[in-house]
Amino acid sequence: MAIQERVLSLVAKIVRVISLKNVALWSLAGVLALVGLTVFQNRTAIVSYIINGPTVDTAPLSSFTVSAASQSRIKSLVDSDDLINAMVVLNADIRNNRRVPIHWYSDDPSAEKALDSLFSGKYGGIPLFTSDEKNNEGVVGVINGEFTCSEYTAGGNAALFPSMQSRFPYVCRTSLPPYYGQFSGYITICLNRVPTADELINLKTEALNISTEIYFRDVLPSSKKVNPTNPASPVN
């Protein structure tokens, strides 16, 4: 009787093993079939990738418009604070390594004229990352959601816009939005002088508030593309 039980137990084990192997084989066959179907359906793209290599996304830069309310907010801050000479809002596209100045304002007519001359016609974008290490460090900072301030010559600005060095001795940047994870661009705040510790605290608070407002008011609702025939005009 014991021998019969052992034989039956052995047979049962063999059946279970065979069943598990069949299940595994059928599962493998299903996976291979799915992979084969996917490859077949995307055969043109795969062959193109093998022959031509990866393609570069040349689609227009996804952009947003700085609304009248946001422009008014920027103008009010610049006009009311003698520390601030100008503010510039830039849209950024990491994938295509571009940044586009889409709004700027200064309460100094000569500075605003200089900004107009510098940024008008830049709707194809300015390189985001360049060969300048200082610039790249500054870009990484805003991508990480940091609020940073430095002398104009220390943040890579001098290499990009050397003509502005005499106008803006000190600059600050804050990300759009002012935190990590949804980087859409940044705001540059151009100062007339080095701020005091208290001024820097107040400036950071104002910059983060404006950045948050622009992000939720203008960036999130927008799904438009940059239109080269529709220039961004500063508030006068």
Protein backbone atom coordinates (compact mmCIF):
# COMPACT_ATOMS: atom_id res chain seq x y z
CA MET A 1 0.00 0.00 0.00
CA ALA A 2 2.86 2.32 0.92
CA ILE A 3 4.52 1.53 -2.39
CA GLN A 4 1.35 2.39 -4.30
CA GLU A 5 1.06 5.70 -2.45
CA ARG A 6 4.67 6.56 -3.26
CA VAL A 7 4.13 5.68 -6.92
CA LEU A 8 0.97 7.80 -7.09
CA SER A 9 2.76 10.67 -5.37
CA LEU A 10 5.63 10.44 -7.86
CA VAL A 11 3.23 10.39 -10.81
CA ALA A 12 1.41 13.42 -9.42
CA LYS A 13 4.71 15.32 -9.12
CA ILE A 14 5.66 14.44 -12.68
CA VAL A 15 2.29 15.66 -13.94
CA ARG A 16 2.66 18.95 -12.05
CA VAL A 17 6.16 19.51 -13.43
CA ILE A 18 5.00 18.79 -16.99
CA SER A 19 2.03 21.13 -16.53
CA LEU A 20 4.25 23.94 -15.22
CA LYS A 21 6.62 23.49 -18.14
CA ASN A 22 3.71 23.68 -20.56
CA VAL A 23 2.45 26.84 -18.91
CA ALA A 24 5.93 28.39 -19.10
CA LEU A 25 6.32 27.39 -22.74
CA TRP A 26 2.92 28.81 -23.67
CA SER A 27 3.68 32.04 -21.77
CA LEU A 28 7.02 32.35 -23.58
CA ALA A 29 5.31 31.72 -26.89
CA GLY A 30 2.77 34.44 -26.09
CA VAL A 31 5.49 36.96 -25.22
CA LEU A 32 7.43 36.16 -28.41
CA ALA A 33 4.27 36.51 -30.47
CA LEU A 34 3.54 39.91 -28.90
CA VAL A 35 7.11 41.11 -29.51
CA GLY A 36 6.94 39.85 -33.09
CA LEU A 37 3.65 41.65 -33.69
CA THR A 38 5.05 44.91 -32.24
CA VAL A 39 8.16 44.68 -34.41
CA PHE A 40 6.01 43.96 -37.48
CA GLN A 41 3.70 46.90 -36.84
CA ASN A 42 6.65 49.27 -36.37
CA ARG A 43 8.92 47.75 -39.03
CA THR A 44 9.16 50.98 -41.05
CA ALA A 45 10.30 53.06 -38.08
CA ILE A 46 12.76 50.37 -36.97
CA VAL A 47 14.33 50.05 -40.42
CA SER A 48 14.55 53.86 -40.65
CA TYR A 49 16.26 54.00 -37.26
CA ILE A 50 18.79 51.32 -38.28
CA ILE A 51 19.58 53.03 -41.60
CA ASN A 52 19.38 56.70 -40.64
CA GLY A 53 19.92 56.67 -36.90
CA PRO A 54 17.77 58.54 -34.34
CA THR A 55 15.89 61.57 -35.60
CA VAL A 56 16.10 65.01 -34.02
CA ASP A 57 12.87 66.66 -32.96
CA THR A 58 12.64 69.83 -35.04
CA ALA A 59 9.10 70.74 -34.04
CA PRO A 60 8.50 74.38 -33.10
CA LEU A 61 9.24 75.23 -29.50
CA SER A 62 6.19 74.75 -27.32
CA SER A 63 5.61 78.19 -25.87
CA PHE A 64 3.36 80.30 -23.72
CA THR A 65 2.31 83.92 -23.83
CA VAL A 66 2.89 86.23 -20.90
CA SER A 67 -0.60 87.51 -20.22
CA ALA A 68 -1.54 91.15 -19.70
CA ALA A 69 -2.05 90.45 -15.99
CA SER A 70 1.44 88.97 -15.68
CA GLN A 71 2.97 91.81 -17.69
CA SER A 72 1.27 94.30 -15.38
CA ARG A 73 2.59 92.43 -12.35
CA ILE A 74 6.14 92.55 -13.69
CA LYS A 75 5.85 96.24 -14.57
CA SER A 76 4.51 97.09 -11.12
CA LEU A 77 7.40 95.35 -9.37
CA VAL A 78 10.10 96.88 -11.57
CA ASP A 79 8.59 100.38 -11.32
CA SER A 80 8.24 100.22 -7.54
CA ASP A 81 11.69 98.85 -6.64
CA ASP A 82 14.75 100.96 -7.41
CA LEU A 83 16.92 97.86 -6.97
CA ILE A 84 15.44 96.26 -10.11
CA ASN A 85 16.33 97.61 -13.53
CA ALA A 86 14.63 95.02 -15.74
CA MET A 87 12.98 91.60 -15.89
CA VAL A 88 13.11 89.07 -18.73
CA VAL A 89 10.89 85.99 -19.09
CA LEU A 90 12.34 83.16 -21.16
CA ASN A 91 10.74 79.99 -22.40
CA ALA A 92 13.08 76.97 -22.46
CA ASP A 93 13.21 73.68 -24.34
CA ILE A 94 15.79 71.25 -22.98
CA ARG A 95 15.26 68.66 -25.74
CA ASN A 96 16.14 71.10 -28.51
CA ASN A 97 18.60 73.10 -26.38
CA ARG A 98 16.80 76.40 -26.89
CA ARG A 99 15.57 79.33 -24.85
CA VAL A 100 13.43 82.11 -26.21
CA PRO A 101 12.97 85.55 -24.58
CA ILE A 102 9.23 86.09 -24.79
CA HIS A 103 8.74 89.16 -22.60
CA TRP A 104 11.00 91.84 -21.15
CA TYR A 105 10.47 95.13 -19.37
CA SER A 106 12.62 97.92 -17.93
CA ASP A 107 11.60 101.23 -16.42
CA ASP A 108 14.77 102.71 -17.92
CA PRO A 109 13.95 103.69 -21.54
CA SER A 110 17.55 103.26 -22.70
CA ALA A 111 17.77 99.80 -21.08
CA GLU A 112 14.46 98.75 -22.63
CA LYS A 113 15.63 99.94 -26.04
CA ALA A 114 18.80 97.89 -25.58
CA LEU A 115 16.72 94.82 -24.63
CA ASP A 116 14.52 95.35 -27.69
CA SER A 117 17.60 95.41 -29.88
CA LEU A 118 19.07 92.37 -28.16
CA PHE A 119 16.01 90.11 -28.10
CA SER A 120 13.84 91.16 -31.05
CA GLY A 121 14.03 88.51 -33.76
CA LYS A 122 15.29 85.82 -31.37
CA TYR A 123 12.22 83.64 -31.88
CA GLY A 124 14.29 80.75 -33.21
CA GLY A 125 15.86 80.60 -29.78
CA ILE A 126 19.20 81.11 -28.09
CA PRO A 127 21.23 78.00 -27.09
CA LEU A 128 20.37 76.84 -23.58
CA PHE A 129 23.58 74.94 -22.93
CA THR A 130 26.74 76.33 -24.50
CA SER A 131 30.48 75.75 -24.30
CA ASP A 132 30.60 78.23 -21.40
CA GLU A 133 30.81 76.40 -18.08
CA LYS A 134 29.39 79.30 -16.05
CA ASN A 135 26.35 79.48 -18.28
CA ASN A 136 25.75 75.74 -17.99
CA GLU A 137 26.00 75.85 -14.20
CA GLY A 138 23.38 78.59 -14.14
CA VAL A 139 21.08 76.61 -16.44
CA VAL A 140 21.38 73.51 -14.26
CA GLY A 141 20.51 75.66 -11.26
CA VAL A 142 17.23 76.91 -12.71
CA ILE A 143 16.34 73.45 -14.02
CA ASN A 144 16.67 72.26 -10.42
CA GLY A 145 14.27 75.00 -9.31
CA GLU A 146 16.90 77.13 -7.60
CA PHE A 147 16.78 80.87 -7.03
CA THR A 148 20.29 82.15 -7.78
CA CYS A 149 21.98 85.54 -7.79
CA SER A 150 25.44 86.54 -8.92
CA GLU A 151 27.49 89.27 -10.52
CA TYR A 152 26.69 89.62 -14.19
CA THR A 153 30.09 88.25 -15.17
CA ALA A 154 29.81 85.19 -12.89
CA GLY A 155 26.70 83.51 -14.29
CA GLY A 156 27.55 83.12 -17.96
CA ASN A 157 25.57 86.19 -19.00
CA ALA A 158 28.67 88.09 -20.09
CA ALA A 159 29.49 85.42 -22.66
CA LEU A 160 25.96 85.48 -24.11
CA PHE A 161 25.13 89.18 -23.81
CA PRO A 162 28.36 91.13 -23.25
CA SER A 163 26.73 94.44 -24.20
CA MET A 164 24.56 94.34 -21.07
CA GLN A 165 27.39 93.97 -18.57
CA SER A 166 27.67 97.72 -17.91
CA ARG A 167 23.90 98.08 -17.43
CA PHE A 168 23.21 95.17 -15.09
CA PRO A 169 26.03 94.57 -12.59
CA TYR A 170 24.03 91.93 -10.72
CA VAL A 171 21.38 89.43 -11.86
CA CYS A 172 19.09 86.87 -10.26
CA ARG A 173 17.24 83.94 -11.80
CA THR A 174 14.27 81.89 -10.75
CA SER A 175 12.81 78.86 -12.48
CA LEU A 176 9.35 78.59 -14.06
CA PRO A 177 7.79 77.14 -11.96
CA PRO A 178 9.96 77.80 -8.88
CA TYR A 179 10.48 74.12 -8.08
CA TYR A 180 11.97 71.02 -9.65
CA GLY A 181 10.13 68.77 -12.06
CA GLN A 182 8.12 70.97 -14.45
CA PHE A 183 10.84 73.21 -15.92
CA SER A 184 9.30 75.48 -18.57
CA GLY A 185 11.72 78.40 -18.56
CA TYR A 186 13.00 81.00 -16.16
CA ILE A 187 12.88 84.66 -15.18
CA THR A 188 15.99 86.82 -15.13
CA ILE A 189 15.89 89.83 -12.79
CA CYS A 190 18.46 92.48 -13.69
CA LEU A 191 19.60 94.62 -10.75
CA ASN A 192 21.21 98.04 -10.53
CA ARG A 193 23.56 96.98 -7.74
CA VAL A 194 24.43 94.22 -5.32
CA PRO A 195 21.45 93.72 -2.97
CA THR A 196 21.68 93.77 0.80
CA ALA A 197 20.77 90.63 2.75
CA ASP A 198 17.28 91.95 3.53
CA GLU A 199 16.74 93.07 -0.06
CA LEU A 200 17.75 89.65 -1.29
CA ILE A 201 15.17 87.97 0.96
CA ASN A 202 12.42 90.29 -0.27
CA LEU A 203 13.53 89.86 -3.88
CA LYS A 204 13.45 86.07 -3.60
CA THR A 205 9.92 86.20 -2.18
CA GLU A 206 8.71 88.46 -5.00
CA ALA A 207 10.47 86.37 -7.65
CA LEU A 208 8.96 83.11 -6.41
CA ASN A 209 5.51 84.70 -6.24
CA ILE A 210 5.72 86.05 -9.79
CA SER A 211 7.09 82.76 -11.09
CA THR A 212 4.24 80.84 -9.48
CA GLU A 213 1.65 83.27 -10.85
CA ILE A 214 3.03 83.11 -14.40
CA TYR A 215 3.24 79.32 -14.29
CA PHE A 216 -0.36 78.77 -13.20
CA ARG A 217 -1.83 81.72 -15.12
CA ASP A 218 0.08 81.43 -18.40
CA VAL A 219 2.20 78.29 -18.74
CA LEU A 220 -0.22 75.54 -17.70
CA PRO A 221 -3.19 76.72 -19.77
CA SER A 222 -1.07 77.21 -22.88
CA SER A 223 -0.66 74.63 -25.62
CA LYS A 224 0.37 77.04 -28.38
CA LYS A 225 3.52 76.94 -30.48
CA VAL A 226 5.88 79.83 -31.01
CA ASN A 227 4.73 81.93 -33.97
CA PRO A 228 7.71 83.70 -35.60
CA THR A 229 5.36 86.32 -37.07
CA ASN A 230 3.94 87.28 -33.69
CA PRO A 231 6.70 89.07 -31.78
CA ALA A 232 6.58 89.38 -28.00
CA SER A 233 6.28 93.05 -27.19
CA PRO A 234 7.30 94.50 -23.83
CA VAL A 235 5.03 96.64 -21.71
CA ASN A 236 5.63 100.33 -22.25
